Protein backbone atom coordinates (compact mmCIF):
# COMPACT_ATOMS: atom_id res chain seq x y z
CA UNK A 1 -48.07 82.73 30.99
CA UNK A 2 -46.02 81.09 33.83
CA UNK A 3 -49.17 81.14 35.89
CA UNK A 4 -51.09 79.51 33.15
CA UNK A 5 -48.62 76.91 32.02
CA UNK A 6 -48.97 76.25 36.10
CA UNK A 7 -52.69 75.30 35.93
CA UNK A 8 -52.51 72.90 33.08
CA UNK A 9 -49.45 71.08 34.11
CA UNK A 10 -51.50 70.60 37.70
CA UNK A 11 -54.79 70.27 35.79
CA UNK A 12 -54.02 67.60 32.87
CA UNK A 13 -53.48 64.22 35.11
CA UNK A 14 -57.46 65.21 36.39
CA UNK A 15 -58.30 65.41 32.78
CA UNK A 16 -58.10 61.35 32.87
CA UNK A 17 -60.70 61.48 36.14
CA UNK A 18 -62.54 58.42 36.31
CA UNK A 19 -65.55 60.91 37.59
CA UNK A 20 -65.56 64.55 37.24
CA UNK A 21 -67.49 67.85 38.29
CA UNK A 22 -67.12 71.05 37.74
CA UNK A 23 -69.21 73.95 39.63
CA UNK A 24 -69.75 77.86 39.07
CA UNK A 25 -70.66 79.72 41.73
CA UNK A 26 -71.74 83.52 40.98
CA UNK A 27 -72.80 85.22 43.83
CA UNK A 28 -74.36 88.64 43.39
CA UNK A 29 -74.90 90.95 46.55
CA UNK A 30 -75.72 94.66 47.89
CA UNK A 31 -74.16 95.76 50.77
CA UNK A 32 -75.04 98.94 52.05
CA UNK A 33 -72.92 99.94 55.12
CA UNK A 34 -74.69 102.49 57.61
CA UNK A 35 -72.05 103.95 60.63
CA UNK A 36 -73.56 104.79 63.98
CA UNK A 37 -69.77 105.45 65.90
CA UNK A 38 -69.26 108.91 67.37
CA UNK A 39 -71.55 111.54 66.69
CA UNK A 40 -71.44 112.02 62.91
CA UNK A 41 -73.34 108.96 61.55
CA UNK A 42 -72.40 108.16 57.68
CA UNK A 43 -74.41 105.96 54.79
CA UNK A 44 -72.00 104.70 52.27
CA UNK A 45 -72.38 102.32 49.52
CA UNK A 46 -69.06 101.31 48.71
CA UNK A 47 -70.27 99.72 45.25
CA UNK A 48 -73.56 98.64 43.39
CA UNK A 49 -72.46 94.79 43.80
CA UNK A 50 -69.14 95.40 46.35
CA UNK A 51 -69.79 91.96 47.95
CA UNK A 52 -69.94 89.93 44.84
CA UNK A 53 -67.73 87.19 43.86
CA UNK A 54 -67.31 83.99 41.04
CA UNK A 55 -66.21 80.94 42.76
CA UNK A 56 -65.23 77.62 40.48
CA UNK A 57 -64.97 73.95 42.09
CA UNK A 58 -63.48 71.09 39.87
CA UNK A 59 -62.89 67.76 41.67
CA UNK A 60 -63.08 64.07 40.79
CA UNK A 61 -61.63 60.66 41.31
CA UNK A 62 -58.33 60.08 38.94
CA UNK A 63 -58.83 56.21 40.47
CA UNK A 64 -60.00 54.41 43.54
CA UNK A 65 -58.01 55.74 46.21
CA UNK A 66 -56.61 59.25 44.16
CA UNK A 67 -59.57 62.09 44.56
CA UNK A 68 -58.62 65.82 43.24
CA UNK A 69 -59.82 69.29 44.56
CA UNK A 70 -59.45 72.54 42.62
CA UNK A 71 -61.34 75.86 44.03
CA UNK A 72 -60.59 79.33 43.02
CA UNK A 73 -61.71 82.30 44.09
CA UNK A 74 -61.80 84.98 40.47
CA UNK A 75 -63.72 87.82 41.92
CA UNK A 76 -63.76 89.54 45.05
CA UNK A 77 -64.50 93.36 46.41
CA UNK A 78 -60.71 93.53 45.57
CA UNK A 79 -59.54 92.05 42.16
CA UNK A 80 -56.40 92.85 41.37
CA UNK A 81 -55.62 91.90 44.90
CA UNK A 82 -56.04 88.53 43.88
CA UNK A 83 -53.63 87.86 41.13
CA UNK A 84 -50.56 90.37 42.98
CA UNK A 85 -49.22 87.75 44.74
CA UNK A 86 -50.09 83.90 43.21
CA UNK A 87 -49.19 80.72 44.06
CA UNK A 88 -46.58 80.49 46.66
CA UNK A 89 -47.25 83.34 48.55
CA UNK A 90 -48.44 83.14 52.46
CA UNK A 91 -48.92 86.01 53.58
CA UNK A 92 -51.93 86.52 51.04
CA UNK A 93 -54.81 85.02 50.26
CA UNK A 94 -54.94 85.06 46.02
CA UNK A 95 -57.22 83.68 43.53
CA UNK A 96 -56.11 80.19 44.20
CA UNK A 97 -57.61 78.37 47.83
CA UNK A 98 -57.16 74.32 47.34
CA UNK A 99 -54.83 72.74 45.08
CA UNK A 100 -54.50 69.55 46.36
CA UNK A 101 -54.54 65.20 45.79
CA UNK A 102 -55.81 62.80 48.38
CA UNK A 103 -54.90 59.30 48.60
CA UNK A 104 -57.55 57.26 50.92
CA UNK A 105 -57.05 54.19 51.43
CA UNK A 106 -59.42 52.52 54.28
CA UNK A 107 -59.31 54.23 57.50
CA UNK A 108 -56.58 57.00 56.34
CA UNK A 109 -56.24 59.59 54.02
CA UNK A 110 -53.05 61.74 52.95
CA UNK A 111 -53.51 64.75 51.31
CA UNK A 112 -51.05 67.25 49.04
CA UNK A 113 -51.15 70.48 48.23
CA UNK A 114 -53.18 73.52 48.91
CA UNK A 115 -55.41 73.80 51.33
CA UNK A 116 -57.68 75.17 54.49
CA UNK A 117 -55.55 75.57 57.94
CA UNK A 118 -57.26 73.33 60.27
CA UNK A 119 -58.72 75.49 62.81
CA UNK A 120 -61.42 77.48 63.26
CA UNK A 121 -63.96 74.76 63.99
CA UNK A 122 -67.57 75.53 62.67
CA UNK A 123 -67.05 79.02 61.70
CA UNK A 124 -64.81 77.39 58.82
CA UNK A 125 -67.36 74.20 57.87
CA UNK A 126 -68.92 76.12 54.83
CA UNK A 127 -67.17 77.42 52.29
CA UNK A 128 -66.35 81.32 51.65
CA UNK A 129 -68.72 81.93 48.57
CA UNK A 130 -71.61 80.22 51.19
CA UNK A 131 -70.81 83.00 54.16
CA UNK A 132 -71.11 86.59 55.20
CA UNK A 133 -68.14 88.44 56.02
CA UNK A 134 -70.24 91.31 58.16
CA UNK A 135 -70.47 88.64 60.20
CA UNK A 136 -67.86 86.68 60.59
CA UNK A 137 -64.87 86.85 62.89
CA UNK A 138 -62.11 89.25 62.32
CA UNK A 139 -60.14 85.69 62.08
CA UNK A 140 -62.47 84.56 59.23
CA UNK A 141 -61.58 88.25 57.75
CA UNK A 142 -58.38 88.54 58.16
CA UNK A 143 -55.88 85.29 58.74
CA UNK A 144 -54.64 84.01 55.29
CA UNK A 145 -56.07 80.16 56.10
CA UNK A 146 -55.08 78.63 52.77
CA UNK A 147 -51.85 77.26 52.66
CA UNK A 148 -49.16 74.67 51.12
CA UNK A 149 -48.81 71.59 52.80
CA UNK A 150 -49.51 67.81 53.65
CA UNK A 151 -52.48 66.71 55.94
CA UNK A 152 -53.18 63.01 57.39
CA UNK A 153 -56.44 62.11 58.67
CA UNK A 154 -57.33 58.65 60.52
CA UNK A 155 -60.83 57.21 61.30
CA UNK A 156 -61.15 56.48 64.69
CA UNK A 157 -63.40 53.14 65.81
CA UNK A 158 -66.31 55.40 66.49
CA UNK A 159 -68.24 56.07 63.57
CA UNK A 160 -68.12 59.93 62.36
CA UNK A 161 -64.84 60.02 64.37
CA UNK A 162 -61.51 61.27 63.23
CA UNK A 163 -58.54 63.04 63.90
CA UNK A 164 -56.65 64.61 61.22
CA UNK A 165 -52.23 66.43 61.79
CA UNK A 166 -51.00 69.17 59.13
CA UNK A 167 -47.97 70.48 58.11
CA UNK A 168 -48.19 73.48 56.28
CA UNK A 169 -46.13 76.61 54.88
CA UNK A 170 -46.63 79.47 58.07
CA UNK A 171 -49.39 82.16 57.29
CA UNK A 172 -46.25 84.68 58.95
CA UNK A 173 -44.00 83.72 56.25
CA UNK A 174 -43.86 85.85 52.56
CA UNK A 175 -42.89 83.52 50.26
CA UNK A 176 -44.20 79.83 50.72
CA UNK A 177 -41.13 77.13 52.50
CA UNK A 178 -38.62 80.41 51.16
CA UNK A 179 -39.59 81.51 54.31
CA UNK A 180 -38.48 78.39 56.02
CA UNK A 181 -41.67 79.27 58.63
CA UNK A 182 -43.81 76.10 59.22
CA UNK A 183 -46.99 75.88 60.94
CA UNK A 184 -48.52 72.33 62.54
CA UNK A 185 -52.66 71.49 63.62
CA UNK A 186 -53.80 68.36 65.07
CA UNK A 187 -57.72 68.44 64.84
CA UNK A 188 -60.16 66.24 66.32
CA UNK A 189 -63.81 65.59 64.73
CA UNK A 190 -65.96 63.35 66.72
CA UNK A 191 -70.09 63.03 66.68
CA UNK A 192 -71.23 61.62 70.38
CA UNK A 193 -75.03 61.55 70.11
CA UNK A 194 -76.05 64.90 68.80
CA UNK A 195 -73.14 66.48 70.25
CA UNK A 196 -70.34 67.46 67.01
CA UNK A 197 -67.21 68.86 68.29
CA UNK A 198 -64.24 70.12 65.99
CA UNK A 199 -61.55 70.78 68.59
CA UNK A 200 -58.19 71.79 67.28
CA UNK A 201 -54.35 72.71 68.35
CA UNK A 202 -52.07 75.30 65.77
CA UNK A 203 -48.17 76.19 66.19
CA UNK A 204 -47.06 78.78 63.80
CA UNK A 205 -43.56 79.61 63.35
CA UNK A 206 -43.67 83.90 63.47
CA UNK A 207 -39.93 84.38 62.88
CA UNK A 208 -36.91 83.50 61.35
CA UNK A 209 -34.49 84.38 63.38
CA UNK A 210 -36.26 82.34 66.22
CA UNK A 211 -37.73 79.43 65.11
CA UNK A 212 -37.87 77.85 68.34
CA UNK A 213 -40.60 80.48 69.37
CA UNK A 214 -44.04 79.24 68.33
CA UNK A 215 -47.23 81.28 68.30
CA UNK A 216 -50.39 79.12 69.40
CA UNK A 217 -54.07 78.74 68.64
CA UNK A 218 -56.69 76.93 69.99
CA UNK A 219 -59.86 75.96 69.07
CA UNK A 220 -62.79 74.51 70.83
CA UNK A 221 -65.69 74.61 68.36
CA UNK A 222 -68.90 72.74 69.38
CA UNK A 223 -72.63 71.60 67.34
CA UNK A 224 -75.70 70.16 68.90
CA UNK A 225 -77.97 69.72 66.63
CA UNK A 226 -81.83 69.35 67.99
CA UNK A 227 -84.06 68.43 65.32
CA UNK A 228 -84.55 71.44 62.98
CA UNK A 229 -82.36 73.63 65.76
CA UNK A 230 -78.36 73.51 65.34
CA UNK A 231 -76.34 75.84 68.15
CA UNK A 232 -73.01 76.24 67.37
CA UNK A 233 -70.29 77.23 70.31
CA UNK A 234 -67.11 78.15 70.21
CA UNK A 235 -64.62 79.76 72.19
CA UNK A 236 -60.55 80.58 71.04
CA UNK A 237 -57.84 81.54 72.40
CA UNK A 238 -56.88 84.42 69.88
CA UNK A 239 -58.57 87.27 67.84
CA UNK A 240 -57.75 87.66 63.73
CA UNK A 241 -55.41 90.19 63.16
CA UNK A 242 -54.15 91.88 60.02
CA UNK A 243 -50.68 91.26 60.51
CA UNK A 244 -50.01 95.09 60.94
CA UNK A 245 -51.85 96.65 63.82
CA UNK A 246 -52.65 93.03 65.22
CA UNK A 247 -51.19 89.79 65.40
CA UNK A 248 -52.72 87.61 62.82
CA UNK A 249 -53.19 85.61 65.95
CA UNK A 250 -53.34 87.90 68.59
CA UNK A 251 -53.92 86.90 72.50
CA UNK A 252 -56.73 87.15 73.29
CA UNK A 253 -60.38 85.57 73.96
CA UNK A 254 -63.02 85.64 71.21
CA UNK A 255 -66.51 83.81 71.84
CA UNK A 256 -69.04 82.74 68.93
CA UNK A 257 -72.60 81.75 68.94
CA UNK A 258 -74.99 80.56 66.22
CA UNK A 259 -78.61 79.44 66.38
CA UNK A 260 -79.86 78.11 62.79
CA UNK A 261 -82.98 77.17 62.20
CA UNK A 262 -84.05 75.17 58.81
CA UNK A 263 -87.43 73.99 57.37
CA UNK A 264 -87.71 70.15 57.36
CA UNK A 265 -88.17 71.02 53.16
CA UNK A 266 -85.10 72.63 53.29
CA UNK A 267 -86.50 75.81 51.83
CA UNK A 268 -85.79 78.22 54.03
CA UNK A 269 -83.11 78.46 56.75
CA UNK A 270 -82.97 81.39 59.57
CA UNK A 271 -80.00 82.25 61.36
CA UNK A 272 -78.89 84.67 64.74
CA UNK A 273 -74.88 84.62 65.40
CA UNK A 274 -72.72 86.88 67.95
CA UNK A 275 -69.40 86.80 68.35
CA UNK A 276 -67.33 88.58 71.09
CA UNK A 277 -63.41 89.36 70.62
CA UNK A 278 -61.13 91.03 73.61
CA UNK A 279 -57.68 92.01 72.96
CA UNK A 280 -55.68 94.39 75.17
CA UNK A 281 -54.25 96.25 72.26
CA UNK A 282 -58.16 97.57 70.76
CA UNK A 283 -59.83 96.47 73.98
CA UNK A 284 -63.94 94.72 73.28
CA UNK A 285 -65.90 94.10 70.79
CA UNK A 286 -69.12 92.89 69.52
CA UNK A 287 -70.32 91.50 66.37
CA UNK A 288 -74.48 90.68 65.84
CA UNK A 289 -76.89 89.97 63.63
CA UNK A 290 -78.90 87.06 61.90
CA UNK A 291 -79.92 86.37 57.77
CA UNK A 292 -82.40 84.32 56.09
CA UNK A 293 -81.58 82.21 53.37
CA UNK A 294 -84.56 80.75 50.65
CA UNK A 295 -84.52 78.34 48.35
CA UNK A 296 -87.01 78.81 45.78
CA UNK A 297 -86.89 75.87 42.96
CA UNK A 298 -88.32 72.79 45.05
CA UNK A 299 -86.08 70.00 46.26
CA UNK A 300 -82.90 71.75 45.37
CA UNK A 301 -80.48 74.07 46.95
CA UNK A 302 -78.49 75.59 43.93
CA UNK A 303 -80.30 78.85 43.58
CA UNK A 304 -80.10 81.28 47.26
CA UNK A 305 -81.65 83.69 48.10
CA UNK A 306 -80.53 85.96 51.14
CA UNK A 307 -80.63 88.63 53.39
CA UNK A 308 -78.58 89.96 56.43
CA UNK A 309 -77.68 92.22 58.54
CA UNK A 310 -75.12 92.70 61.43
CA UNK A 311 -73.51 95.15 63.33
CA UNK A 312 -70.35 95.13 64.86
CA UNK A 313 -68.94 97.67 67.53
CA UNK A 314 -65.98 98.13 66.97
CA UNK A 315 -65.78 99.37 63.77
CA UNK A 316 -69.41 100.87 64.45
CA UNK A 317 -71.12 100.21 61.18
CA UNK A 318 -74.28 98.32 60.68
CA UNK A 319 -74.19 96.47 57.46
CA UNK A 320 -77.17 95.31 55.48
CA UNK A 321 -76.87 92.49 52.54
CA UNK A 322 -79.39 91.06 49.81
CA UNK A 323 -78.39 89.05 47.05
CA UNK A 324 -78.16 85.45 45.20
CA UNK A 325 -75.64 83.15 44.88
CA UNK A 326 -75.88 80.44 42.21
CA UNK A 327 -74.48 77.17 42.17
CA UNK A 328 -73.92 75.65 38.01
CA UNK A 329 -72.99 71.73 37.68
CA UNK A 330 -71.40 70.33 35.02
CA UNK A 331 -70.40 66.65 35.31
CA UNK A 332 -68.23 66.27 32.61
CA UNK A 333 -67.48 62.28 33.07
């Protein structure tokens, strides 16, 4: 009941919005896994539709300067895990991804609420429902990147260039703000000809007894746009962990590369991706694979059919996936 009342209290001002859009995105996915590690090979099918999920997006303008965004993750491979720790927990991902309000005027904007950490570069540009977990880095799969706090963005004099600063609850703390641990991020979104950099530096408090001790994470992520091709190259000075066997942001090295081709009609895109990760505790890990997205409805990408395959050297698995996602949009105002 408390969860329902809090949701309604936050959503009530949105009902007065100038314009609103509600979007449902169901995703149906089958993901068989083949083990190739060791002498014994094993094939498993965790569940018929183990990669399936359901997301909703509710966004709109409250006035000429105020807007809101609410994104919820309702179903996953571990549905009960989404609801175990709800709103005000920092060390886990739950059913609320985004819940924020933004004030914008001219070259400045201020966002308050729950938002994604401003790290990760181009790998974190698409929203979760459009990604393929078997091809994503350890940081994408492990880190609780949706946190409560505030951020400010400043447009630079050069077109499509901006800098933003962010202060949020630290994912190293258990309870949001009550843990007394915070994180800070500085990010540059750039556009210089065909070069589209997203560079960021984040600092995390990780120990309540040593608040001056900071963990830092740097991302140097670059996209090169070349006609129908996009080439993404990213370096990180860390590897994402689960917080138990490996720290959330473990000292190490990560390199990501993705090459994507999209036809001019927007009906098909094909991509190949490689990830390299190294930490002394676990050694080297390679992730490699690719996939295809097909949009069968002409002049629309609301219906997406996909097929992917990926290899993970540390896990010793090859994972295939086939499925579809549908964007069901409703203009409420």
